[in-house]
């Protein structure tokens, strides 16, 4: 049987793991997981249920919020939140916070 051109062979799980594990096992990813687990302790129950740490790149921690109003509120508390996180996780070397809305905002127009 001949193989159709343009089709590639499936990637083995071994190849996928060899390419992915170094990134997954990077110490910063483990610390970000630790940060996620300590999130409620750091920020308190109210804020922690409305937010989630998403990613950390080059000292910028991206935090997902449940709504635009929470994003606005957290911008007002940004400095205080940053200091709390830096105090608990100095090894992450977080320099700034970015808030990202999870909710999709719909705009309604009059007809």
PDB file of N, CA and C in Angstrom:
ATOM      1  N   UNK A   1       0.830  -1.182   0.000  1.00  0.00           N
ATOM      2  CA  UNK A   1       0.000   0.000   0.000  1.00  0.00           C
ATOM      3  C   UNK A   1       0.874   1.246   0.000  1.00  0.00           C
ATOM      4  N   UNK A   2       0.525   2.207  -0.779  1.00  0.00           N
ATOM      5  CA  UNK A   2       1.326   3.430  -0.805  1.00  0.00           C
ATOM      6  C   UNK A   2       0.721   4.466   0.128  1.00  0.00           C
ATOM      7  N   UNK A   3       1.607   5.279   0.692  1.00  0.00           N
ATOM      8  CA  UNK A   3       1.170   6.321   1.620  1.00  0.00           C
ATOM      9  C   UNK A   3       0.852   7.573   0.818  1.00  0.00           C
ATOM     10  N   UNK A   4      -0.267   8.204   1.125  1.00  0.00           N
ATOM     11  CA  UNK A   4      -0.641   9.442   0.432  1.00  0.00           C
ATOM     12  C   UNK A   4       0.331  10.542   0.810  1.00  0.00           C
ATOM     13  N   UNK A   5       0.707  11.335  -0.182  1.00  0.00           N
ATOM     14  CA  UNK A   5       1.617  12.446   0.123  1.00  0.00           C
ATOM     15  C   UNK A   5       0.872  13.512   0.915  1.00  0.00           C
ATOM     16  N   UNK A   6       1.595  14.229   1.741  1.00  0.00           N
ATOM     17  CA  UNK A   6       1.011  15.270   2.564  1.00  0.00           C
ATOM     18  C   UNK A   6       0.613  14.805   3.948  1.00  0.00           C
ATOM     19  N   UNK A   7       0.530  13.513   4.148  1.00  0.00           N
ATOM     20  CA  UNK A   7       0.196  12.981   5.464  1.00  0.00           C
ATOM     21  C   UNK A   7       1.477  12.685   6.218  1.00  0.00           C
ATOM     22  N   UNK A   8       1.515  13.069   7.447  1.00  0.00           N
ATOM     23  CA  UNK A   8       2.699  12.778   8.255  1.00  0.00           C
ATOM     24  C   UNK A   8       2.357  11.691   9.249  1.00  0.00           C
ATOM     25  N   UNK A   9       3.379  11.026   9.714  1.00  0.00           N
ATOM     26  CA  UNK A   9       3.134   9.956  10.677  1.00  0.00           C
ATOM     27  C   UNK A   9       2.818  10.578  12.019  1.00  0.00           C
ATOM     28  N   UNK A  10       2.007   9.922  12.824  1.00  0.00           N
ATOM     29  CA  UNK A  10       1.664  10.456  14.137  1.00  0.00           C
ATOM     30  C   UNK A  10       2.906  10.621  15.011  1.00  0.00           C
ATOM     31  N   UNK A  11       2.871  11.630  15.868  1.00  0.00           N
ATOM     32  CA  UNK A  11       3.971  11.864  16.795  1.00  0.00           C
ATOM     33  C   UNK A  11       3.811  10.917  17.978  1.00  0.00           C
ATOM     34  N   UNK A  12       4.899  10.282  18.352  1.00  0.00           N
ATOM     35  CA  UNK A  12       4.829   9.342  19.475  1.00  0.00           C
ATOM     36  C   UNK A  12       4.734  10.098  20.793  1.00  0.00           C
ATOM     37  N   UNK A  13       4.136   9.457  21.773  1.00  0.00           N
ATOM     38  CA  UNK A  13       4.036  10.057  23.109  1.00  0.00           C
ATOM     39  C   UNK A  13       5.423  10.314  23.668  1.00  0.00           C
ATOM     40  N   UNK A  14       6.354   9.422  23.383  1.00  0.00           N
ATOM     41  CA  UNK A  14       7.736   9.591  23.844  1.00  0.00           C
ATOM     42  C   UNK A  14       8.317  10.907  23.323  1.00  0.00           C
ATOM     43  N   UNK A  15       8.106  11.193  22.041  1.00  0.00           N
ATOM     44  CA  UNK A  15       8.622  12.437  21.462  1.00  0.00           C
ATOM     45  C   UNK A  15       7.947  13.667  22.083  1.00  0.00           C
ATOM     46  N   UNK A  16       6.647  13.567  22.305  1.00  0.00           N
ATOM     47  CA  UNK A  16       5.913  14.685  22.908  1.00  0.00           C
ATOM     48  C   UNK A  16       6.440  14.964  24.307  1.00  0.00           C
ATOM     49  N   UNK A  17       6.610  13.906  25.106  1.00  0.00           N
ATOM     50  CA  UNK A  17       7.099  14.084  26.477  1.00  0.00           C
ATOM     51  C   UNK A  17       8.521  14.616  26.508  1.00  0.00           C
ATOM     52  N   UNK A  18       9.380  14.119  25.633  1.00  0.00           N
ATOM     53  CA  UNK A  18      10.765  14.606  25.599  1.00  0.00           C
ATOM     54  C   UNK A  18      10.822  16.087  25.276  1.00  0.00           C
ATOM     55  N   UNK A  19       9.887  16.558  24.450  1.00  0.00           N
ATOM     56  CA  UNK A  19       9.868  17.972  24.086  1.00  0.00           C
ATOM     57  C   UNK A  19       9.175  18.841  25.128  1.00  0.00           C
ATOM     58  N   UNK A  20       8.235  18.272  25.877  1.00  0.00           N
ATOM     59  CA  UNK A  20       7.425  19.050  26.816  1.00  0.00           C
ATOM     60  C   UNK A  20       7.938  19.050  28.248  1.00  0.00           C
ATOM     61  N   UNK A  21       8.485  17.953  28.705  1.00  0.00           N
ATOM     62  CA  UNK A  21       8.869  17.830  30.105  1.00  0.00           C
ATOM     63  C   UNK A  21       9.851  18.888  30.593  1.00  0.00           C
ATOM     64  N   UNK A  22      10.875  19.235  29.823  1.00  0.00           N
ATOM     65  CA  UNK A  22      11.783  20.272  30.335  1.00  0.00           C
ATOM     66  C   UNK A  22      11.062  21.576  30.680  1.00  0.00           C
ATOM     67  N   UNK A  23      10.078  21.969  29.871  1.00  0.00           N
ATOM     68  CA  UNK A  23       9.324  23.190  30.161  1.00  0.00           C
ATOM     69  C   UNK A  23       8.414  22.990  31.369  1.00  0.00           C
ATOM     70  N   UNK A  24       7.754  21.824  31.439  1.00  0.00           N
ATOM     71  CA  UNK A  24       6.840  21.568  32.550  1.00  0.00           C
ATOM     72  C   UNK A  24       7.572  21.449  33.876  1.00  0.00           C
ATOM     73  N   UNK A  25       8.781  20.926  33.844  1.00  0.00           N
ATOM     74  CA  UNK A  25       9.541  20.715  35.068  1.00  0.00           C
ATOM     75  C   UNK A  25      10.444  21.887  35.424  1.00  0.00           C
ATOM     76  N   UNK A  26      10.373  22.947  34.648  1.00  0.00           N
ATOM     77  CA  UNK A  26      11.172  24.135  34.934  1.00  0.00           C
ATOM     78  C   UNK A  26      10.829  24.620  36.342  1.00  0.00           C
ATOM     79  N   UNK A  27      11.829  24.978  37.143  1.00  0.00           N
ATOM     80  CA  UNK A  27      11.578  25.401  38.526  1.00  0.00           C
ATOM     81  C   UNK A  27      10.552  26.522  38.652  1.00  0.00           C
ATOM     82  N   UNK A  28      10.528  27.447  37.706  1.00  0.00           N
ATOM     83  CA  UNK A  28       9.581  28.556  37.792  1.00  0.00           C
ATOM     84  C   UNK A  28       8.141  28.056  37.658  1.00  0.00           C
ATOM     85  N   UNK A  29       7.910  27.012  36.837  1.00  0.00           N
ATOM     86  CA  UNK A  29       6.565  26.452  36.719  1.00  0.00           C
ATOM     87  C   UNK A  29       6.127  25.811  38.027  1.00  0.00           C
ATOM     88  N   UNK A  30       7.034  25.147  38.706  1.00  0.00           N
ATOM     89  CA  UNK A  30       6.715  24.542  40.001  1.00  0.00           C
ATOM     90  C   UNK A  30       6.386  25.626  41.021  1.00  0.00           C
ATOM     91  N   UNK A  31       7.124  26.719  40.993  1.00  0.00           N
ATOM     92  CA  UNK A  31       6.858  27.814  41.920  1.00  0.00           C
ATOM     93  C   UNK A  31       5.540  28.504  41.599  1.00  0.00           C
ATOM     94  N   UNK A  32       5.190  28.591  40.311  1.00  0.00           N
ATOM     95  CA  UNK A  32       3.905  29.173  39.942  1.00  0.00           C
ATOM     96  C   UNK A  32       2.770  28.282  40.443  1.00  0.00           C
ATOM     97  N   UNK A  33       2.973  26.983  40.421  1.00  0.00           N
ATOM     98  CA  UNK A  33       1.999  26.053  40.992  1.00  0.00           C
ATOM     99  C   UNK A  33       1.890  26.275  42.494  1.00  0.00           C
ATOM    100  N   UNK A  34       3.020  26.454  43.160  1.00  0.00           N
ATOM    101  CA  UNK A  34       3.008  26.748  44.599  1.00  0.00           C
ATOM    102  C   UNK A  34       2.270  28.057  44.879  1.00  0.00           C
ATOM    103  N   UNK A  35       2.475  29.054  44.026  1.00  0.00           N
ATOM    104  CA  UNK A  35       1.779  30.333  44.164  1.00  0.00           C
ATOM    105  C   UNK A  35       0.268  30.114  44.039  1.00  0.00           C
ATOM    106  N   UNK A  36      -0.147  29.320  43.073  1.00  0.00           N
ATOM    107  CA  UNK A  36      -1.573  29.028  42.887  1.00  0.00           C
ATOM    108  C   UNK A  36      -2.164  28.365  44.118  1.00  0.00           C
ATOM    109  N   UNK A  37      -1.419  27.457  44.721  1.00  0.00           N
ATOM    110  CA  UNK A  37      -1.900  26.746  45.904  1.00  0.00           C
ATOM    111  C   UNK A  37      -1.998  27.676  47.121  1.00  0.00           C
ATOM    112  N   UNK A  38      -1.146  28.690  47.162  1.00  0.00           N
ATOM    113  CA  UNK A  38      -1.146  29.631  48.289  1.00  0.00           C
ATOM    114  C   UNK A  38      -1.976  30.882  48.015  1.00  0.00           C
ATOM    115  N   UNK A  39      -2.654  30.918  46.873  1.00  0.00           N
ATOM    116  CA  UNK A  39      -3.357  32.105  46.412  1.00  0.00           C
ATOM    117  C   UNK A  39      -4.342  32.651  47.445  1.00  0.00           C
ATOM    118  N   UNK A  40      -5.170  31.787  48.031  1.00  0.00           N
ATOM    119  CA  UNK A  40      -6.152  32.249  49.015  1.00  0.00           C
ATOM    120  C   UNK A  40      -5.477  32.808  50.262  1.00  0.00           C
ATOM    121  N   UNK A  41      -4.402  32.168  50.696  1.00  0.00           N
ATOM    122  CA  UNK A  41      -3.680  32.643  51.883  1.00  0.00           C
ATOM    123  C   UNK A  41      -3.093  34.033  51.638  1.00  0.00           C
ATOM    124  N   UNK A  42      -2.600  34.269  50.442  1.00  0.00           N
ATOM    125  CA  UNK A  42      -1.959  35.544  50.118  1.00  0.00           C
ATOM    126  C   UNK A  42      -2.994  36.662  49.948  1.00  0.00           C
ATOM    127  N   UNK A  43      -4.062  36.381  49.196  1.00  0.00           N
ATOM    128  CA  UNK A  43      -5.007  37.437  48.822  1.00  0.00           C
ATOM    129  C   UNK A  43      -6.313  37.442  49.600  1.00  0.00           C
ATOM    130  N   UNK A  44      -6.574  36.394  50.356  1.00  0.00           N
ATOM    131  CA  UNK A  44      -7.845  36.313  51.069  1.00  0.00           C
ATOM    132  C   UNK A  44      -8.904  35.632  50.221  1.00  0.00           C
ATOM    133  N   UNK A  45      -9.943  35.168  50.891  1.00  0.00           N
ATOM    134  CA  UNK A  45     -10.974  34.364  50.230  1.00  0.00           C
ATOM    135  C   UNK A  45     -11.718  35.127  49.139  1.00  0.00           C
ATOM    136  N   UNK A  46     -12.103  36.362  49.415  1.00  0.00           N
ATOM    137  CA  UNK A  46     -12.905  37.123  48.451  1.00  0.00           C
ATOM    138  C   UNK A  46     -12.168  37.322  47.134  1.00  0.00           C
ATOM    139  N   UNK A  47     -10.957  37.854  47.197  1.00  0.00           N
ATOM    140  CA  UNK A  47     -10.198  38.117  45.974  1.00  0.00           C
ATOM    141  C   UNK A  47      -9.757  36.813  45.308  1.00  0.00           C
ATOM    142  N   UNK A  48      -9.355  35.830  46.081  1.00  0.00           N
ATOM    143  CA  UNK A  48      -8.848  34.586  45.486  1.00  0.00           C
ATOM    144  C   UNK A  48      -9.924  33.819  44.720  1.00  0.00           C
ATOM    145  N   UNK A  49     -11.202  33.977  45.115  1.00  0.00           N
ATOM    146  CA  UNK A  49     -12.261  33.287  44.373  1.00  0.00           C
ATOM    147  C   UNK A  49     -12.625  34.014  43.083  1.00  0.00           C
ATOM    148  N   UNK A  50     -12.161  35.229  42.927  1.00  0.00           N
ATOM    149  CA  UNK A  50     -12.452  36.025  41.726  1.00  0.00           C
ATOM    150  C   UNK A  50     -11.260  36.146  40.788  1.00  0.00           C
ATOM    151  N   UNK A  51     -10.141  35.542  41.177  1.00  0.00           N
ATOM    152  CA  UNK A  51      -8.909  35.671  40.391  1.00  0.00           C
ATOM    153  C   UNK A  51      -8.172  34.341  40.318  1.00  0.00           C
ATOM    154  N   UNK A  52      -7.197  34.307  39.393  1.00  0.00           N
ATOM    155  CA  UNK A  52      -6.374  33.112  39.241  1.00  0.00           C
ATOM    156  C   UNK A  52      -5.057  33.504  38.561  1.00  0.00           C
ATOM    157  N   UNK A  53      -3.917  33.085  39.110  1.00  0.00           N
ATOM    158  CA  UNK A  53      -2.652  33.372  38.416  1.00  0.00           C
ATOM    159  C   UNK A  53      -2.565  32.516  37.151  1.00  0.00           C
ATOM    160  N   UNK A  54      -2.277  33.149  36.022  1.00  0.00           N
ATOM    161  CA  UNK A  54      -2.248  32.436  34.744  1.00  0.00           C
ATOM    162  C   UNK A  54      -0.846  32.100  34.270  1.00  0.00           C
ATOM    163  N   UNK A  55       0.008  33.114  34.253  1.00  0.00           N
ATOM    164  CA  UNK A  55       1.346  32.880  33.716  1.00  0.00           C
ATOM    165  C   UNK A  55       2.332  33.875  34.317  1.00  0.00           C
ATOM    166  N   UNK A  56       3.597  33.500  34.203  1.00  0.00           N
ATOM    167  CA  UNK A  56       4.674  34.366  34.658  1.00  0.00           C
ATOM    168  C   UNK A  56       5.757  34.353  33.597  1.00  0.00           C
ATOM    169  N   UNK A  57       6.007  35.532  33.034  1.00  0.00           N
ATOM    170  CA  UNK A  57       7.040  35.657  32.001  1.00  0.00           C
ATOM    171  C   UNK A  57       7.804  36.950  32.210  1.00  0.00           C
ATOM    172  N   UNK A  58       9.106  36.802  32.311  1.00  0.00           N
ATOM    173  CA  UNK A  58      10.004  37.956  32.436  1.00  0.00           C
ATOM    174  C   UNK A  58       9.584  38.901  33.562  1.00  0.00           C
ATOM    175  N   UNK A  59       9.165  38.335  34.684  1.00  0.00           N
ATOM    176  CA  UNK A  59       8.804  39.136  35.842  1.00  0.00           C
ATOM    177  C   UNK A  59       7.397  39.694  35.833  1.00  0.00           C
ATOM    178  N   UNK A  60       6.612  39.382  34.796  1.00  0.00           N
ATOM    179  CA  UNK A  60       5.240  39.867  34.685  1.00  0.00           C
ATOM    180  C   UNK A  60       4.277  38.716  34.995  1.00  0.00           C
ATOM    181  N   UNK A  61       3.539  38.863  36.085  1.00  0.00           N
ATOM    182  CA  UNK A  61       2.543  37.869  36.472  1.00  0.00           C
ATOM    183  C   UNK A  61       1.197  38.292  35.896  1.00  0.00           C
ATOM    184  N   UNK A  62       0.615  37.418  35.068  1.00  0.00           N
ATOM    185  CA  UNK A  62      -0.704  37.672  34.508  1.00  0.00           C
ATOM    186  C   UNK A  62      -1.734  36.984  35.385  1.00  0.00           C
ATOM    187  N   UNK A  63      -2.726  37.766  35.795  1.00  0.00           N
ATOM    188  CA  UNK A  63      -3.780  37.284  36.679  1.00  0.00           C
ATOM    189  C   UNK A  63      -5.115  37.409  35.950  1.00  0.00           C
ATOM    190  N   UNK A  64      -5.837  36.303  35.882  1.00  0.00           N
ATOM    191  CA  UNK A  64      -7.153  36.310  35.252  1.00  0.00           C
ATOM    192  C   UNK A  64      -8.205  36.714  36.281  1.00  0.00           C
ATOM    193  N   UNK A  65      -9.093  37.596  35.867  1.00  0.00           N
ATOM    194  CA  UNK A  65     -10.175  38.046  36.753  1.00  0.00           C
ATOM    195  C   UNK A  65     -11.520  37.580  36.183  1.00  0.00           C
ATOM    196  N   UNK A  66     -12.518  37.513  37.047  1.00  0.00           N
ATOM    197  CA  UNK A  66     -13.834  37.020  36.634  1.00  0.00           C
ATOM    198  C   UNK A  66     -14.663  38.057  35.889  1.00  0.00           C
ATOM    199  N   UNK A  67     -14.341  39.349  36.052  1.00  0.00           N
ATOM    200  CA  UNK A  67     -15.159  40.382  35.409  1.00  0.00           C
ATOM    201  C   UNK A  67     -14.359  41.676  35.257  1.00  0.00           C
ATOM    202  N   UNK A  68     -14.817  42.554  34.362  1.00  0.00           N
ATOM    203  CA  UNK A  68     -14.148  43.849  34.210  1.00  0.00           C
ATOM    204  C   UNK A  68     -14.151  44.673  35.493  1.00  0.00           C
ATOM    205  N   UNK A  69     -15.221  44.557  36.288  1.00  0.00           N
ATOM    206  CA  UNK A  69     -15.255  45.330  37.532  1.00  0.00           C
ATOM    207  C   UNK A  69     -14.181  44.843  38.509  1.00  0.00           C
ATOM    208  N   UNK A  70     -13.919  43.527  38.520  1.00  0.00           N
ATOM    209  CA  UNK A  70     -12.841  43.017  39.373  1.00  0.00           C
ATOM    210  C   UNK A  70     -11.482  43.478  38.858  1.00  0.00           C
ATOM    211  N   UNK A  71     -11.334  43.547  37.570  1.00  0.00           N
ATOM    212  CA  UNK A  71     -10.071  44.038  37.002  1.00  0.00           C
ATOM    213  C   UNK A  71      -9.823  45.469  37.461  1.00  0.00           C
ATOM    214  N   UNK A  72     -10.846  46.290  37.394  1.00  0.00           N
ATOM    215  CA  UNK A  72     -10.713  47.684  37.825  1.00  0.00           C
ATOM    216  C   UNK A  72     -10.380  47.767  39.315  1.00  0.00           C
ATOM    217  N   UNK A  73     -11.080  46.998  40.114  1.00  0.00           N
ATOM    218  CA  UNK A  73     -10.836  46.995  41.563  1.00  0.00           C
ATOM    219  C   UNK A  73      -9.398  46.576  41.877  1.00  0.00           C
ATOM    220  N   UNK A  74      -8.924  45.547  41.192  1.00  0.00           N
ATOM    221  CA  UNK A  74      -7.577  45.045  41.455  1.00  0.00           C
ATOM    222  C   UNK A  74      -6.488  46.008  40.990  1.00  0.00           C
ATOM    223  N   UNK A  75      -6.787  46.789  39.962  1.00  0.00           N
ATOM    224  CA  UNK A  75      -5.820  47.826  39.559  1.00  0.00           C
ATOM    225  C   UNK A  75      -5.586  48.812  40.701  1.00  0.00           C
ATOM    226  N   UNK A  76      -6.638  49.094  41.458  1.00  0.00           N
ATOM    227  CA  UNK A  76      -6.504  50.001  42.597  1.00  0.00           C
ATOM    228  C   UNK A  76      -5.675  49.377  43.724  1.00  0.00           C
ATOM    229  N   UNK A  77      -5.686  48.046  43.800  1.00  0.00           N
ATOM    230  CA  UNK A  77      -4.946  47.322  44.845  1.00  0.00           C
ATOM    231  C   UNK A  77      -3.637  46.721  44.340  1.00  0.00           C
ATOM    232  N   UNK A  78      -3.270  47.062  43.123  1.00  0.00           N
ATOM    233  CA  UNK A  78      -2.133  46.426  42.455  1.00  0.00           C
ATOM    234  C   UNK A  78      -0.847  46.458  43.285  1.00  0.00           C
ATOM    235  N   UNK A  79      -0.489  47.609  43.806  1.00  0.00           N
ATOM    236  CA  UNK A  79       0.762  47.740  44.561  1.00  0.00           C
ATOM    237  C   UNK A  79       0.734  46.857  45.805  1.00  0.00           C
ATOM    238  N   UNK A  80      -0.380  46.868  46.522  1.00  0.00           N
ATOM    239  CA  UNK A  80      -0.524  46.051  47.727  1.00  0.00           C
ATOM    240  C   UNK A  80      -0.455  44.550  47.408  1.00  0.00           C
ATOM    241  N   UNK A  81      -1.126  44.140  46.331  1.00  0.00           N
ATOM    242  CA  UNK A  81      -1.100  42.728  45.917  1.00  0.00           C
ATOM    243  C   UNK A  81       0.311  42.315  45.520  1.00  0.00           C
ATOM    244  N   UNK A  82       0.983  43.162  44.754  1.00  0.00           N
ATOM    245  CA  UNK A  82       2.347  42.865  44.320  1.00  0.00           C
ATOM    246  C   UNK A  82       3.276  42.684  45.513  1.00  0.00           C
ATOM    247  N   UNK A  83       3.171  43.558  46.490  1.00  0.00           N
ATOM    248  CA  UNK A  83       4.026  43.439  47.683  1.00  0.00           C
ATOM    249  C   UNK A  83       3.761  42.134  48.443  1.00  0.00           C
ATOM    250  N   UNK A  84       2.497  41.745  48.561  1.00  0.00           N
ATOM    251  CA  UNK A  84       2.161  40.494  49.248  1.00  0.00           C
ATOM    252  C   UNK A  84       2.754  39.283  48.524  1.00  0.00           C
ATOM    253  N   UNK A  85       2.636  39.274  47.212  1.00  0.00           N
ATOM    254  CA  UNK A  85       3.169  38.151  46.429  1.00  0.00           C
ATOM    255  C   UNK A  85       4.693  38.132  46.510  1.00  0.00           C
ATOM    256  N   UNK A  86       5.322  39.291  46.367  1.00  0.00           N
ATOM    257  CA  UNK A  86       6.786  39.363  46.443  1.00  0.00           C
ATOM    258  C   UNK A  86       7.285  38.919  47.815  1.00  0.00           C
ATOM    259  N   UNK A  87       6.542  39.236  48.863  1.00  0.00           N
ATOM    260  CA  UNK A  87       6.922  38.845  50.220  1.00  0.00           C
ATOM    261  C   UNK A  87       6.878  37.323  50.390  1.00  0.00           C
ATOM    262  N   UNK A  88       5.846  36.694  49.845  1.00  0.00           N
ATOM    263  CA  UNK A  88       5.671  35.248  49.990  1.00  0.00           C
ATOM    264  C   UNK A  88       6.525  34.434  49.014  1.00  0.00           C
ATOM    265  N   UNK A  89       6.783  34.986  47.817  1.00  0.00           N
ATOM    266  CA  UNK A  89       7.513  34.263  46.776  1.00  0.00           C
ATOM    267  C   UNK A  89       8.607  35.135  46.149  1.00  0.00           C
ATOM    268  N   UNK A  90       9.621  35.508  46.937  1.00  0.00           N
ATOM    269  CA  UNK A  90      10.683  36.369  46.389  1.00  0.00           C
ATOM    270  C   UNK A  90      11.467  35.709  45.253  1.00  0.00           C
ATOM    271  N   UNK A  91      11.549  34.391  45.263  1.00  0.00           N
ATOM    272  CA  UNK A  91      12.323  33.691  44.231  1.00  0.00           C
ATOM    273  C   UNK A  91      11.700  33.804  42.843  1.00  0.00           C
ATOM    274  N   UNK A  92      10.399  34.142  42.766  1.00  0.00           N
ATOM    275  CA  UNK A  92       9.755  34.306  41.457  1.00  0.00           C
ATOM    276  C   UNK A  92      10.163  35.610  40.770  1.00  0.00           C
ATOM    277  N   UNK A  93      10.692  36.552  41.535  1.00  0.00           N
ATOM    278  CA  UNK A  93      11.171  37.832  41.002  1.00  0.00           C
ATOM    279  C   UNK A  93      10.098  38.549  40.173  1.00  0.00           C
ATOM    280  N   UNK A  94       8.897  38.618  40.736  1.00  0.00           N
ATOM    281  CA  UNK A  94       7.784  39.281  40.062  1.00  0.00           C
ATOM    282  C   UNK A  94       7.959  40.792  40.199  1.00  0.00           C
ATOM    283  N   UNK A  95       7.939  41.486  39.051  1.00  0.00           N
ATOM    284  CA  UNK A  95       8.128  42.927  39.032  1.00  0.00           C
ATOM    285  C   UNK A  95       6.838  43.699  38.772  1.00  0.00           C
ATOM    286  N   UNK A  96       5.878  43.027  38.112  1.00  0.00           N
ATOM    287  CA  UNK A  96       4.658  43.728  37.754  1.00  0.00           C
ATOM    288  C   UNK A  96       3.512  42.726  37.614  1.00  0.00           C
ATOM    289  N   UNK A  97       2.291  43.267  37.654  1.00  0.00           N
ATOM    290  CA  UNK A  97       1.088  42.455  37.520  1.00  0.00           C
ATOM    291  C   UNK A  97       0.280  42.947  36.325  1.00  0.00           C
ATOM    292  N   UNK A  98      -0.314  41.999  35.615  1.00  0.00           N
ATOM    293  CA  UNK A  98      -1.218  42.317  34.509  1.00  0.00           C
ATOM    294  C   UNK A  98      -2.524  41.580  34.775  1.00  0.00           C
ATOM    295  N   UNK A  99      -3.643  42.296  34.692  1.00  0.00           N
ATOM    296  CA  UNK A  99      -4.949  41.689  34.940  1.00  0.00           C
ATOM    297  C   UNK A  99      -5.665  41.477  33.615  1.00  0.00           C
ATOM    298  N   UNK A 100      -6.246  40.288  33.453  1.00  0.00           N
ATOM    299  CA  UNK A 100      -6.903  39.911  32.210  1.00  0.00           C
ATOM    300  C   UNK A 100      -8.306  39.408  32.532  1.00  0.00           C
ATOM    301  N   UNK A 101      -9.299  39.952  31.846  1.00  0.00           N
ATOM    302  CA  UNK A 101     -10.688  39.548  32.074  1.00  0.00           C
ATOM    303  C   UNK A 101     -10.983  38.183  31.481  1.00  0.00           C
ATOM    304  N   UNK A 102     -11.687  37.369  32.236  1.00  0.00           N
ATOM    305  CA  UNK A 102     -12.169  36.084  31.720  1.00  0.00           C
ATOM    306  C   UNK A 102     -13.502  36.292  31.025  1.00  0.00           C
ATOM    307  N   UNK A 103     -14.311  37.184  31.558  1.00  0.00           N
ATOM    308  CA  UNK A 103     -15.651  37.414  31.021  1.00  0.00           C
ATOM    309  C   UNK A 103     -15.578  38.107  29.669  1.00  0.00           C
ATOM    310  N   UNK A 104     -16.480  37.716  28.808  1.00  0.00           N
ATOM    311  CA  UNK A 104     -16.588  38.385  27.519  1.00  0.00           C
ATOM    312  C   UNK A 104     -17.653  39.464  27.651  1.00  0.00           C
ATOM    313  N   UNK A 105     -17.293  40.659  27.270  1.00  0.00           N
ATOM    314  CA  UNK A 105     -18.207  41.779  27.381  1.00  0.00           C
ATOM    315  C   UNK A 105     -18.926  41.947  26.048  1.00  0.00           C
ATOM    316  N   UNK A 106     -20.239  41.996  26.102  1.00  0.00           N
ATOM    317  CA  UNK A 106     -21.023  42.198  24.881  1.00  0.00           C
ATOM    318  C   UNK A 106     -21.517  43.633  24.836  1.00  0.00           C
ATOM    319  N   UNK A 107     -21.478  44.210  23.670  1.00  0.00           N
ATOM    320  CA  UNK A 107     -21.950  45.577  23.478  1.00  0.00           C
ATOM    321  C   UNK A 107     -23.260  45.498  22.710  1.00  0.00           C
ATOM    322  N   UNK A 108     -24.288  46.082  23.271  1.00  0.00           N
ATOM    323  CA  UNK A 108     -25.590  46.098  22.635  1.00  0.00           C
ATOM    324  C   UNK A 108     -25.830  47.470  22.027  1.00  0.00           C
ATOM    325  N   UNK A 109     -26.321  47.458  20.794  1.00  0.00           N
ATOM    326  CA  UNK A 109     -26.610  48.718  20.112  1.00  0.00           C
ATOM    327  C   UNK A 109     -28.109  48.806  19.862  1.00  0.00           C
ATOM    328  N   UNK A 110     -28.613  50.023  19.950  1.00  0.00           N
ATOM    329  CA  UNK A 110     -30.015  50.241  19.634  1.00  0.00           C
ATOM    330  C   UNK A 110     -30.212  50.129  18.142  1.00  0.00           C
ATOM    331  N   UNK A 111     -31.328  49.543  17.779  1.00  0.00           N
ATOM    332  CA  UNK A 111     -31.630  49.420  16.336  1.00  0.00           C
ATOM    333  C   UNK A 111     -32.335  50.632  15.824  1.00  0.00           C
TER     334      UNK A 111
END
